[in-house]
Amino acid sequence: MYITLEADYAVRIVSALAVEGGRLDAGTISDRTCVTLRFALKILRKLVSSGLVISYKGSRGGYQLGKDPSEINLRMVIEAIEGTYYFSRCLSPDCDCSRGAEEICCYRRAFGEITDSVRKQLDSYNFADLIASSEEFGNGKEK
């Protein structure tokens, strides 16, 4: 099981903006993340809508993080693209099985505990720490 390609690319885009520490145009983001420009723009719209990224119009426009990298974690980025994380769709409030079927679903509690565990893990990784650890191993932006 993998996160979607779109969520994976969103993590790359937020990382590129965090490493830059300022504004980048969409073309540069696309180049640095190896995401096609069209797909990068689609992802950027979602990230802007979530408040994680700010968009600037005009010839000096571009994108930059809407929060400090230390305030953005993996869960925030993934959920900006995918919606609220649930290990199983039966935990979603939109799922028919969640209405009145709790007593017959023997997996609901286990899936809930797994969901909570994954959410906590995703919350524990912020972009400032991820980038700092990447730079320790020589994978950060060249200075």
N, C-alpha and C. Protein backbone atom coordinates (compact mmCIF):
# COMPACT_ATOMS: atom_id res chain seq x y z
N MET A 1 0.85 -1.17 0.00
CA MET A 1 0.00 0.00 0.00
C MET A 1 0.90 1.24 0.00
N TYR A 2 0.58 2.18 -0.86
CA TYR A 2 1.34 3.42 -0.98
C TYR A 2 0.42 4.61 -0.80
N ILE A 3 1.00 5.77 -0.43
CA ILE A 3 0.22 6.99 -0.54
C ILE A 3 0.09 7.26 -2.03
N THR A 4 -0.87 8.07 -2.41
CA THR A 4 -1.06 8.33 -3.83
C THR A 4 0.13 9.12 -4.38
N LEU A 5 0.29 9.05 -5.68
CA LEU A 5 1.35 9.80 -6.34
C LEU A 5 1.17 11.30 -6.10
N GLU A 6 -0.06 11.75 -6.11
CA GLU A 6 -0.34 13.17 -5.88
C GLU A 6 0.12 13.60 -4.49
N ALA A 7 -0.14 12.80 -3.48
CA ALA A 7 0.31 13.13 -2.12
C ALA A 7 1.84 13.07 -2.02
N ASP A 8 2.45 12.10 -2.69
CA ASP A 8 3.90 11.99 -2.72
C ASP A 8 4.50 13.25 -3.35
N TYR A 9 3.94 13.69 -4.46
CA TYR A 9 4.41 14.90 -5.12
C TYR A 9 4.18 16.14 -4.25
N ALA A 10 3.08 16.18 -3.53
CA ALA A 10 2.80 17.31 -2.64
C ALA A 10 3.88 17.43 -1.57
N VAL A 11 4.31 16.30 -1.04
CA VAL A 11 5.40 16.31 -0.05
C VAL A 11 6.66 16.87 -0.69
N ARG A 12 6.97 16.46 -1.92
CA ARG A 12 8.15 16.99 -2.62
C ARG A 12 8.05 18.50 -2.82
N ILE A 13 6.86 18.96 -3.19
CA ILE A 13 6.65 20.39 -3.46
C ILE A 13 6.82 21.20 -2.18
N VAL A 14 6.21 20.76 -1.09
CA VAL A 14 6.35 21.47 0.18
C VAL A 14 7.81 21.44 0.63
N SER A 15 8.47 20.34 0.42
CA SER A 15 9.89 20.24 0.78
C SER A 15 10.73 21.23 -0.02
N ALA A 16 10.48 21.33 -1.32
CA ALA A 16 11.23 22.27 -2.16
C ALA A 16 11.02 23.71 -1.68
N LEU A 17 9.79 24.03 -1.32
CA LEU A 17 9.51 25.39 -0.82
C LEU A 17 10.17 25.62 0.54
N ALA A 18 10.18 24.60 1.38
CA ALA A 18 10.81 24.72 2.69
C ALA A 18 12.32 24.89 2.56
N VAL A 19 12.93 24.13 1.67
CA VAL A 19 14.38 24.24 1.45
C VAL A 19 14.71 25.63 0.91
N GLU A 20 13.90 26.12 -0.02
CA GLU A 20 14.14 27.44 -0.60
C GLU A 20 14.03 28.54 0.44
N GLY A 21 13.04 28.43 1.31
CA GLY A 21 12.85 29.45 2.34
C GLY A 21 12.24 30.73 1.83
N GLY A 22 11.82 30.74 0.61
CA GLY A 22 11.21 31.94 0.02
C GLY A 22 10.29 31.54 -1.10
N ARG A 23 10.15 32.44 -2.04
CA ARG A 23 9.21 32.26 -3.14
C ARG A 23 9.86 31.56 -4.33
N LEU A 24 9.10 30.65 -4.93
CA LEU A 24 9.52 29.97 -6.16
C LEU A 24 8.39 30.04 -7.17
N ASP A 25 8.75 30.16 -8.44
CA ASP A 25 7.72 30.10 -9.48
C ASP A 25 7.39 28.64 -9.77
N ALA A 26 6.24 28.43 -10.39
CA ALA A 26 5.75 27.07 -10.64
C ALA A 26 6.72 26.26 -11.51
N GLY A 27 7.34 26.90 -12.49
CA GLY A 27 8.28 26.20 -13.36
C GLY A 27 9.49 25.67 -12.59
N THR A 28 10.00 26.48 -11.69
CA THR A 28 11.14 26.06 -10.88
C THR A 28 10.73 24.93 -9.94
N ILE A 29 9.56 25.04 -9.35
CA ILE A 29 9.05 23.97 -8.49
C ILE A 29 8.95 22.67 -9.28
N SER A 30 8.40 22.77 -10.47
CA SER A 30 8.26 21.60 -11.34
C SER A 30 9.62 20.97 -11.64
N ASP A 31 10.58 21.80 -11.99
CA ASP A 31 11.93 21.30 -12.29
C ASP A 31 12.58 20.64 -11.08
N ARG A 32 12.51 21.29 -9.93
CA ARG A 32 13.19 20.78 -8.73
C ARG A 32 12.56 19.51 -8.18
N THR A 33 11.28 19.33 -8.44
CA THR A 33 10.58 18.18 -7.86
C THR A 33 10.34 17.05 -8.86
N CYS A 34 10.68 17.29 -10.13
CA CYS A 34 10.43 16.31 -11.19
C CYS A 34 8.94 15.97 -11.31
N VAL A 35 8.11 16.98 -11.13
CA VAL A 35 6.67 16.86 -11.29
C VAL A 35 6.29 17.72 -12.49
N THR A 36 5.50 17.18 -13.40
CA THR A 36 5.12 17.97 -14.57
C THR A 36 4.48 19.27 -14.11
N LEU A 37 4.64 20.32 -14.90
CA LEU A 37 4.11 21.63 -14.53
C LEU A 37 2.60 21.56 -14.32
N ARG A 38 1.92 20.89 -15.20
CA ARG A 38 0.46 20.81 -15.09
C ARG A 38 0.04 20.14 -13.77
N PHE A 39 0.68 19.05 -13.41
CA PHE A 39 0.35 18.35 -12.18
C PHE A 39 0.78 19.17 -10.96
N ALA A 40 1.94 19.83 -11.05
CA ALA A 40 2.40 20.68 -9.95
C ALA A 40 1.40 21.80 -9.68
N LEU A 41 0.87 22.41 -10.73
CA LEU A 41 -0.12 23.48 -10.57
C LEU A 41 -1.40 22.95 -9.90
N LYS A 42 -1.82 21.76 -10.27
CA LYS A 42 -3.00 21.15 -9.65
C LYS A 42 -2.76 20.94 -8.15
N ILE A 43 -1.60 20.42 -7.81
CA ILE A 43 -1.27 20.17 -6.40
C ILE A 43 -1.12 21.48 -5.65
N LEU A 44 -0.47 22.45 -6.27
CA LEU A 44 -0.30 23.76 -5.63
C LEU A 44 -1.64 24.41 -5.31
N ARG A 45 -2.63 24.25 -6.19
CA ARG A 45 -3.96 24.81 -5.91
C ARG A 45 -4.52 24.22 -4.62
N LYS A 46 -4.37 22.92 -4.44
CA LYS A 46 -4.86 22.27 -3.22
C LYS A 46 -4.09 22.74 -1.99
N LEU A 47 -2.78 22.88 -2.14
CA LEU A 47 -1.96 23.34 -1.02
C LEU A 47 -2.28 24.78 -0.65
N VAL A 48 -2.57 25.61 -1.65
CA VAL A 48 -2.97 26.99 -1.39
C VAL A 48 -4.33 27.00 -0.69
N SER A 49 -5.25 26.21 -1.18
CA SER A 49 -6.58 26.13 -0.59
C SER A 49 -6.52 25.71 0.88
N SER A 50 -5.58 24.86 1.22
CA SER A 50 -5.44 24.38 2.60
C SER A 50 -4.74 25.39 3.51
N GLY A 51 -4.12 26.41 2.92
CA GLY A 51 -3.39 27.41 3.70
C GLY A 51 -1.94 27.05 3.95
N LEU A 52 -1.49 25.91 3.45
CA LEU A 52 -0.10 25.52 3.66
C LEU A 52 0.85 26.31 2.76
N VAL A 53 0.34 26.76 1.62
CA VAL A 53 1.13 27.50 0.64
C VAL A 53 0.38 28.78 0.30
N ILE A 54 1.15 29.83 0.03
CA ILE A 54 0.59 31.12 -0.40
C ILE A 54 0.96 31.32 -1.86
N SER A 55 0.01 31.83 -2.63
CA SER A 55 0.22 32.10 -4.05
C SER A 55 0.32 33.61 -4.26
N TYR A 56 1.27 34.02 -5.09
CA TYR A 56 1.44 35.43 -5.44
C TYR A 56 1.28 35.57 -6.94
N LYS A 57 0.50 36.54 -7.37
CA LYS A 57 0.24 36.77 -8.79
C LYS A 57 1.23 37.78 -9.35
N GLY A 58 1.31 37.81 -10.66
CA GLY A 58 2.11 38.83 -11.33
C GLY A 58 3.48 38.35 -11.75
N SER A 59 4.25 39.27 -12.34
CA SER A 59 5.56 38.92 -12.87
C SER A 59 6.54 38.51 -11.77
N ARG A 60 6.33 38.97 -10.57
CA ARG A 60 7.18 38.58 -9.44
C ARG A 60 6.44 37.59 -8.55
N GLY A 61 5.47 36.93 -9.12
CA GLY A 61 4.64 35.99 -8.37
C GLY A 61 5.35 34.69 -8.09
N GLY A 62 4.59 33.76 -7.61
CA GLY A 62 5.13 32.45 -7.29
C GLY A 62 4.43 31.88 -6.09
N TYR A 63 5.12 30.99 -5.43
CA TYR A 63 4.55 30.28 -4.28
C TYR A 63 5.56 30.24 -3.16
N GLN A 64 5.05 30.30 -1.94
CA GLN A 64 5.91 30.09 -0.79
C GLN A 64 5.05 29.48 0.32
N LEU A 65 5.73 28.93 1.31
CA LEU A 65 5.00 28.30 2.40
C LEU A 65 4.18 29.34 3.15
N GLY A 66 3.01 28.93 3.60
CA GLY A 66 2.14 29.80 4.37
C GLY A 66 2.43 29.73 5.86
N LYS A 67 3.28 28.80 6.25
CA LYS A 67 3.66 28.60 7.65
C LYS A 67 5.14 28.28 7.69
N ASP A 68 5.70 28.39 8.85
CA ASP A 68 7.08 27.98 9.04
C ASP A 68 7.16 26.46 8.83
N PRO A 69 8.24 25.96 8.22
CA PRO A 69 8.38 24.52 8.01
C PRO A 69 8.23 23.68 9.28
N SER A 70 8.57 24.25 10.43
CA SER A 70 8.42 23.52 11.69
C SER A 70 6.96 23.34 12.09
N GLU A 71 6.08 24.12 11.47
CA GLU A 71 4.65 24.05 11.78
C GLU A 71 3.87 23.20 10.77
N ILE A 72 4.57 22.66 9.78
CA ILE A 72 3.91 21.83 8.76
C ILE A 72 4.43 20.40 8.90
N ASN A 73 3.49 19.47 9.09
CA ASN A 73 3.90 18.08 9.22
C ASN A 73 3.37 17.27 8.03
N LEU A 74 3.84 16.04 7.94
CA LEU A 74 3.46 15.18 6.82
C LEU A 74 1.95 14.96 6.74
N ARG A 75 1.33 14.80 7.88
CA ARG A 75 -0.13 14.58 7.87
C ARG A 75 -0.87 15.76 7.25
N MET A 76 -0.46 16.97 7.57
CA MET A 76 -1.12 18.16 7.03
C MET A 76 -1.05 18.17 5.50
N VAL A 77 0.10 17.82 4.96
CA VAL A 77 0.28 17.84 3.50
C VAL A 77 -0.53 16.72 2.86
N ILE A 78 -0.42 15.54 3.41
CA ILE A 78 -1.16 14.41 2.83
C ILE A 78 -2.66 14.65 2.90
N GLU A 79 -3.15 15.15 4.03
CA GLU A 79 -4.58 15.38 4.16
C GLU A 79 -5.05 16.57 3.33
N ALA A 80 -4.17 17.51 3.02
CA ALA A 80 -4.54 18.60 2.11
C ALA A 80 -4.86 18.07 0.72
N ILE A 81 -4.20 16.98 0.36
CA ILE A 81 -4.39 16.38 -0.96
C ILE A 81 -5.46 15.30 -0.93
N GLU A 82 -5.42 14.42 0.06
CA GLU A 82 -6.26 13.23 0.09
C GLU A 82 -7.53 13.37 0.92
N GLY A 83 -7.58 14.36 1.80
CA GLY A 83 -8.66 14.42 2.77
C GLY A 83 -8.22 13.72 4.04
N THR A 84 -9.08 13.70 5.03
CA THR A 84 -8.76 13.10 6.32
C THR A 84 -8.32 11.66 6.15
N TYR A 85 -7.22 11.31 6.82
CA TYR A 85 -6.69 9.95 6.72
C TYR A 85 -7.51 9.00 7.58
N TYR A 86 -7.94 7.92 6.98
CA TYR A 86 -8.56 6.79 7.67
C TYR A 86 -7.92 5.52 7.11
N PHE A 87 -7.52 4.61 7.97
CA PHE A 87 -6.95 3.35 7.52
C PHE A 87 -7.96 2.57 6.68
N SER A 88 -9.21 2.64 7.08
CA SER A 88 -10.29 1.96 6.36
C SER A 88 -11.42 2.94 6.13
N ARG A 89 -12.06 2.83 4.99
CA ARG A 89 -13.17 3.74 4.70
C ARG A 89 -14.33 3.55 5.66
N CYS A 90 -14.37 2.42 6.38
CA CYS A 90 -15.46 2.21 7.32
C CYS A 90 -15.39 3.19 8.50
N LEU A 91 -14.26 3.87 8.68
CA LEU A 91 -14.12 4.84 9.76
C LEU A 91 -14.58 6.23 9.34
N SER A 92 -14.73 6.46 8.07
CA SER A 92 -15.13 7.76 7.56
C SER A 92 -16.59 8.06 7.93
N PRO A 93 -16.87 9.29 8.32
CA PRO A 93 -18.25 9.65 8.64
C PRO A 93 -19.18 9.51 7.42
N ASP A 94 -18.61 9.51 6.23
CA ASP A 94 -19.41 9.40 5.01
C ASP A 94 -19.79 7.96 4.68
N CYS A 95 -19.19 7.01 5.35
CA CYS A 95 -19.42 5.60 5.04
C CYS A 95 -20.72 5.11 5.67
N ASP A 96 -21.53 4.42 4.89
CA ASP A 96 -22.79 3.88 5.39
C ASP A 96 -22.58 2.90 6.55
N CYS A 97 -21.49 2.15 6.52
CA CYS A 97 -21.29 1.15 7.56
C CYS A 97 -20.98 1.78 8.91
N SER A 98 -20.65 3.09 8.92
CA SER A 98 -20.35 3.74 10.20
C SER A 98 -21.61 4.18 10.93
N ARG A 99 -22.74 4.08 10.27
CA ARG A 99 -23.99 4.47 10.90
C ARG A 99 -24.73 3.23 11.40
N GLY A 100 -24.61 2.94 12.67
CA GLY A 100 -25.35 1.86 13.28
C GLY A 100 -24.73 0.49 13.15
N ALA A 101 -23.61 0.38 12.45
CA ALA A 101 -23.02 -0.94 12.25
C ALA A 101 -21.84 -1.20 13.18
N GLU A 102 -21.56 -0.25 14.08
CA GLU A 102 -20.41 -0.42 14.97
C GLU A 102 -20.46 -1.74 15.73
N GLU A 103 -21.64 -2.11 16.16
CA GLU A 103 -21.75 -3.32 16.97
C GLU A 103 -21.53 -4.60 16.17
N ILE A 104 -21.63 -4.54 14.84
CA ILE A 104 -21.42 -5.76 14.06
C ILE A 104 -20.06 -5.79 13.36
N CYS A 105 -19.35 -4.66 13.35
CA CYS A 105 -18.04 -4.64 12.69
C CYS A 105 -16.96 -4.92 13.72
N CYS A 106 -16.41 -6.11 13.66
CA CYS A 106 -15.39 -6.50 14.63
C CYS A 106 -14.03 -5.87 14.32
N TYR A 107 -13.89 -5.24 13.18
CA TYR A 107 -12.61 -4.65 12.77
C TYR A 107 -12.52 -3.16 13.06
N ARG A 108 -13.64 -2.53 13.33
CA ARG A 108 -13.69 -1.08 13.50
C ARG A 108 -12.70 -0.59 14.56
N ARG A 109 -12.66 -1.25 15.72
CA ARG A 109 -11.75 -0.82 16.79
C ARG A 109 -10.30 -0.95 16.35
N ALA A 110 -9.95 -2.07 15.74
CA ALA A 110 -8.57 -2.28 15.27
C ALA A 110 -8.21 -1.24 14.22
N PHE A 111 -9.11 -1.00 13.26
CA PHE A 111 -8.84 -0.01 12.22
C PHE A 111 -8.71 1.39 12.82
N GLY A 112 -9.50 1.68 13.84
CA GLY A 112 -9.41 2.97 14.52
C GLY A 112 -8.08 3.16 15.21
N GLU A 113 -7.60 2.12 15.87
CA GLU A 113 -6.31 2.20 16.55
C GLU A 113 -5.17 2.35 15.54
N ILE A 114 -5.26 1.65 14.42
CA ILE A 114 -4.24 1.78 13.38
C ILE A 114 -4.27 3.19 12.81
N THR A 115 -5.46 3.71 12.56
CA THR A 115 -5.61 5.08 12.05
C THR A 115 -4.96 6.07 13.00
N ASP A 116 -5.26 5.96 14.29
CA ASP A 116 -4.68 6.87 15.28
C ASP A 116 -3.16 6.78 15.31
N SER A 117 -2.65 5.56 15.21
CA SER A 117 -1.20 5.35 15.23
C SER A 117 -0.52 6.00 14.02
N VAL A 118 -1.10 5.80 12.84
CA VAL A 118 -0.52 6.39 11.63
C VAL A 118 -0.60 7.91 11.69
N ARG A 119 -1.73 8.45 12.13
CA ARG A 119 -1.87 9.91 12.25
C ARG A 119 -0.81 10.49 13.18
N LYS A 120 -0.60 9.84 14.32
CA LYS A 120 0.41 10.32 15.27
C LYS A 120 1.81 10.28 14.65
N GLN A 121 2.11 9.23 13.92
CA GLN A 121 3.42 9.15 13.26
C GLN A 121 3.57 10.26 12.23
N LEU A 122 2.57 10.48 11.40
CA LEU A 122 2.64 11.53 10.39
C LEU A 122 2.76 12.91 11.05
N ASP A 123 2.06 13.11 12.18
CA ASP A 123 2.15 14.37 12.91
C ASP A 123 3.55 14.60 13.47
N SER A 124 4.28 13.55 13.74
CA SER A 124 5.58 13.68 14.40
C SER A 124 6.70 14.14 13.47
N TYR A 125 6.44 14.18 12.17
CA TYR A 125 7.47 14.59 11.21
C TYR A 125 7.13 15.95 10.61
N ASN A 126 7.87 16.98 11.05
CA ASN A 126 7.66 18.30 10.44
C ASN A 126 8.78 18.56 9.43
N PHE A 127 8.53 19.50 8.53
CA PHE A 127 9.45 19.73 7.41
C PHE A 127 10.78 20.36 7.84
N ALA A 128 10.79 21.14 8.89
CA ALA A 128 12.07 21.70 9.36
C ALA A 128 12.99 20.57 9.80
N ASP A 129 12.46 19.64 10.58
CA ASP A 129 13.27 18.51 11.05
C ASP A 129 13.67 17.58 9.91
N LEU A 130 12.75 17.32 9.01
CA LEU A 130 13.05 16.44 7.87
C LEU A 130 14.16 17.02 7.01
N ILE A 131 14.08 18.31 6.74
CA ILE A 131 15.10 18.95 5.90
C ILE A 131 16.44 19.00 6.63
N ALA A 132 16.41 19.29 7.93
CA ALA A 132 17.65 19.31 8.71
C ALA A 132 18.32 17.94 8.69
N SER A 133 17.52 16.88 8.85
CA SER A 133 18.12 15.55 8.84
C SER A 133 18.62 15.19 7.44
N SER A 134 17.95 15.68 6.42
CA SER A 134 18.39 15.44 5.04
C SER A 134 19.72 16.14 4.77
N GLU A 135 19.85 17.35 5.27
CA GLU A 135 21.09 18.12 5.07
C GLU A 135 22.27 17.47 5.80
N GLU A 136 21.99 16.81 6.93
CA GLU A 136 23.05 16.11 7.65
C GLU A 136 23.67 15.01 6.80
N PHE A 137 22.86 14.44 5.91
CA PHE A 137 23.33 13.34 5.07
C PHE A 137 23.69 13.81 3.66
N GLY A 138 23.77 15.15 3.48
CA GLY A 138 24.21 15.67 2.19
C GLY A 138 23.14 15.69 1.11
N ASN A 139 21.87 15.58 1.49
CA ASN A 139 20.80 15.57 0.49
C ASN A 139 20.05 16.89 0.42
N GLY A 140 20.51 17.90 1.12
CA GLY A 140 19.81 19.19 1.15
C GLY A 140 20.23 20.08 -0.02
N LYS A 141 19.67 21.28 -0.03
CA LYS A 141 19.97 22.27 -1.06
C LYS A 141 21.43 22.70 -0.95
N GLU A 142 22.07 22.83 -2.08
CA GLU A 142 23.47 23.29 -2.09
C GLU A 142 23.51 24.75 -1.68
N LYS A 143 24.44 25.09 -0.81
CA LYS A 143 24.59 26.48 -0.33
C LYS A 143 25.73 27.13 -1.06
